[in-house]
Amino acid sequence: MNTVNRIINHPATRRAANKATNLAVAKVVADNIISEPTTVAHYARGKDVGFKVVKSGGSPSPIEELESANISEDGNEVFKKFGKNSEKIAVKFFDPEGRKDKAGRPIHHEVVVPSTMTSGINNIDDVKTKLWPLLKDDYDKIYNQVRVPLDGTRESAKIIYKPTDD
């Protein structure tokens, strides 16, 4: 047996290789957990402002989370399970208070529910009765927000409303 094979087959080398493999797997699992939303993510537009992330859901990239749900862009309400094992829920529904934007179009809300919160959420009505009360106050803050005209300066491009994570 040559020197390389003795090193490869040595018990200490095998233990180190197993540890490295376990650490790599643990890192992948940890990265998946960290990137998973921790609470409901909420997206909508206001009366005079365009599409906004109202609540990020704790996701580092809330827009990507919404895009992965692939909710249709038409004007209908949608309830959809998605994710690797259909463990998450994405919902698009009209504003429960019937609010409209400045042009008279009905406001719709898009919500992504993480797997940890899907129990008992089986349809759009469940979202409106169980989750809307948790989202309403934050949405009320942006609904009447006035669009700030951008004049090309960094100052005018500042975010007026910062989404919440909780």
Protein backbone atom coordinates (compact mmCIF):
# COMPACT_ATOMS: atom_id res chain seq x y z
CA MET A 1 0.00 0.00 0.00
CA ASN A 2 1.44 3.33 -0.98
CA THR A 3 1.70 6.35 1.33
CA VAL A 4 -1.29 8.19 -0.17
CA ASN A 5 -3.60 5.20 0.34
CA ARG A 6 -2.37 4.78 3.93
CA ILE A 7 -3.19 8.41 4.65
CA ILE A 8 -6.61 8.18 2.98
CA ASN A 9 -7.49 4.97 4.82
CA HIS A 10 -6.18 6.09 8.21
CA PRO A 11 -8.99 6.29 10.82
CA ALA A 12 -8.13 9.91 11.70
CA THR A 13 -8.44 10.92 8.04
CA ARG A 14 -11.82 9.19 7.78
CA ARG A 15 -13.07 10.90 10.96
CA ALA A 16 -11.99 14.28 9.60
CA ALA A 17 -13.72 13.59 6.27
CA ASN A 18 -16.95 12.59 8.07
CA LYS A 19 -16.77 15.73 10.19
CA ALA A 20 -16.25 17.90 7.12
CA THR A 21 -19.21 16.25 5.37
CA ASN A 22 -21.40 16.72 8.44
CA LEU A 23 -20.34 20.36 8.71
CA ALA A 24 -21.13 20.96 5.04
CA VAL A 25 -24.59 19.40 5.47
CA ALA A 26 -25.18 21.42 8.65
CA LYS A 27 -24.23 24.61 6.81
CA VAL A 28 -26.73 23.88 4.01
CA VAL A 29 -29.48 23.19 6.57
CA ALA A 30 -28.61 26.35 8.53
CA ASP A 31 -28.60 28.46 5.35
CA ASN A 32 -32.05 27.09 4.45
CA ILE A 33 -33.40 27.87 7.92
CA ILE A 34 -31.96 31.40 7.89
CA SER A 35 -33.41 32.16 4.46
CA GLU A 36 -36.88 30.86 5.40
CA PRO A 37 -39.42 33.53 6.29
CA THR A 38 -40.28 33.54 9.99
CA THR A 39 -43.66 35.21 9.78
CA VAL A 40 -46.18 36.42 7.21
CA ALA A 41 -44.84 38.56 4.37
CA HIS A 42 -47.26 41.18 3.01
CA TYR A 43 -47.15 43.11 -0.25
CA ALA A 44 -49.57 45.77 -1.54
CA ARG A 45 -49.86 49.21 -3.07
CA GLY A 46 -51.38 52.28 -1.46
CA LYS A 47 -53.82 54.87 -2.70
CA ASP A 48 -51.09 56.97 -4.29
CA VAL A 49 -47.98 54.77 -4.03
CA GLY A 50 -46.90 51.77 -6.06
CA PHE A 51 -46.25 48.22 -4.98
CA LYS A 52 -44.54 47.96 -1.59
CA VAL A 53 -43.24 45.31 0.76
CA VAL A 54 -45.39 46.07 3.80
CA LYS A 55 -43.94 43.24 5.92
CA SER A 56 -40.84 41.29 4.91
CA GLY A 57 -41.76 38.20 6.91
CA GLY A 58 -38.20 38.03 8.16
CA SER A 59 -37.01 36.96 4.72
CA PRO A 60 -33.70 38.41 3.55
CA SER A 61 -35.22 38.68 0.06
CA PRO A 62 -39.00 39.13 0.36
CA ILE A 63 -39.51 39.94 -3.35
CA GLU A 64 -37.85 36.65 -4.36
CA GLU A 65 -40.11 34.84 -1.90
CA LEU A 66 -43.19 36.35 -3.54
CA GLU A 67 -41.89 35.61 -7.03
CA SER A 68 -41.25 31.97 -6.11
CA ALA A 69 -44.93 31.69 -5.17
CA ASN A 70 -45.79 32.58 -8.78
CA ILE A 71 -49.20 34.05 -8.03
CA SER A 72 -50.94 34.93 -11.28
CA GLU A 73 -50.90 38.57 -12.28
CA ASP A 74 -54.56 38.78 -13.28
CA GLY A 75 -57.16 40.56 -11.17
CA ASN A 76 -58.59 37.49 -9.45
CA GLU A 77 -58.15 36.37 -5.89
CA VAL A 78 -55.76 33.41 -5.54
CA PHE A 79 -55.02 30.80 -2.86
CA LYS A 80 -52.03 28.61 -3.65
CA LYS A 81 -49.78 26.16 -1.84
CA PHE A 82 -46.16 26.25 -2.97
CA GLY A 83 -42.64 25.31 -1.93
CA LYS A 84 -40.65 22.10 -2.25
CA ASN A 85 -43.40 20.14 -0.50
CA SER A 86 -46.27 22.62 -0.87
CA GLU A 87 -45.55 23.66 2.71
CA LYS A 88 -46.12 27.41 2.21
CA ILE A 89 -49.19 29.36 1.18
CA ALA A 90 -49.44 32.36 -1.12
CA VAL A 91 -52.64 34.38 -1.25
CA LYS A 92 -53.82 37.33 -3.30
CA PHE A 93 -57.04 38.98 -2.14
CA PHE A 94 -58.90 42.25 -2.43
CA ASP A 95 -58.68 44.75 0.40
CA PRO A 96 -61.20 43.63 3.05
CA GLU A 97 -62.27 47.27 3.52
CA GLY A 98 -62.86 47.75 -0.21
CA ARG A 99 -60.19 50.44 -0.59
CA LYS A 100 -59.12 51.59 -4.04
CA ASP A 101 -56.12 53.39 -5.44
CA LYS A 102 -56.20 56.96 -6.76
CA ALA A 103 -57.22 55.68 -10.22
CA GLY A 104 -60.21 53.79 -8.74
CA ARG A 105 -58.71 50.30 -9.07
CA PRO A 106 -59.40 47.86 -6.22
CA ILE A 107 -56.39 47.35 -3.95
CA HIS A 108 -55.26 43.79 -3.66
CA HIS A 109 -52.93 42.31 -1.06
CA GLU A 110 -50.44 39.52 -1.63
CA VAL A 111 -49.44 37.46 1.38
CA VAL A 112 -46.89 34.66 1.77
CA VAL A 113 -47.47 32.43 4.78
CA PRO A 114 -44.42 30.43 5.95
CA SER A 115 -44.71 26.73 6.69
CA THR A 116 -44.66 27.38 10.44
CA MET A 117 -47.93 29.35 10.23
CA THR A 118 -50.03 27.42 7.70
CA SER A 119 -51.96 25.31 10.19
CA GLY A 120 -55.63 26.29 10.03
CA ILE A 121 -55.20 28.38 6.86
CA ASN A 122 -57.19 26.53 4.20
CA ASN A 123 -58.64 29.26 2.00
CA ILE A 124 -58.80 33.00 1.33
CA ASP A 125 -61.47 33.53 3.99
CA ASP A 126 -59.12 32.03 6.62
CA VAL A 127 -56.46 34.54 5.59
CA LYS A 128 -58.91 37.44 5.83
CA THR A 129 -60.25 36.42 9.23
CA LYS A 130 -57.10 35.05 10.89
CA LEU A 131 -54.20 36.98 9.31
CA TRP A 132 -55.66 40.27 8.09
CA PRO A 133 -56.04 41.61 11.67
CA LEU A 134 -52.26 41.09 12.08
CA LEU A 135 -51.51 42.97 8.85
CA LYS A 136 -54.09 45.77 8.85
CA ASP A 137 -52.29 48.30 11.08
CA ASP A 138 -49.06 48.23 9.06
CA TYR A 139 -51.02 48.53 5.82
CA ASP A 140 -53.06 51.45 7.16
CA LYS A 141 -49.76 53.35 7.58
CA ILE A 142 -48.95 53.16 3.88
CA TYR A 143 -52.40 53.39 2.33
CA ASN A 144 -52.62 57.17 2.57
CA GLN A 145 -48.94 57.77 1.99
CA VAL A 146 -48.28 60.45 -0.61
CA ARG A 147 -46.01 59.68 -3.53
CA VAL A 148 -42.85 61.73 -3.29
CA PRO A 149 -41.70 62.93 -6.72
CA LEU A 150 -38.12 61.91 -7.41
CA ASP A 151 -35.94 64.76 -8.53
CA GLY A 152 -32.92 62.61 -9.29
CA THR A 153 -31.17 63.28 -5.99
CA ARG A 154 -30.20 60.65 -3.47
CA GLU A 155 -32.26 62.50 -0.84
CA SER A 156 -35.49 62.17 -2.82
CA ALA A 157 -34.95 58.45 -3.34
CA LYS A 158 -34.94 57.62 0.39
CA ILE A 159 -37.43 54.99 1.45
CA ILE A 160 -40.43 56.61 3.13
CA TYR A 161 -41.75 53.47 4.78
CA LYS A 162 -39.53 50.67 6.01
CA PRO A 163 -41.20 47.24 6.05
CA THR A 164 -41.38 45.47 9.37
CA ASP A 165 -40.04 42.00 10.06
CA ASP A 166 -42.52 40.89 12.70
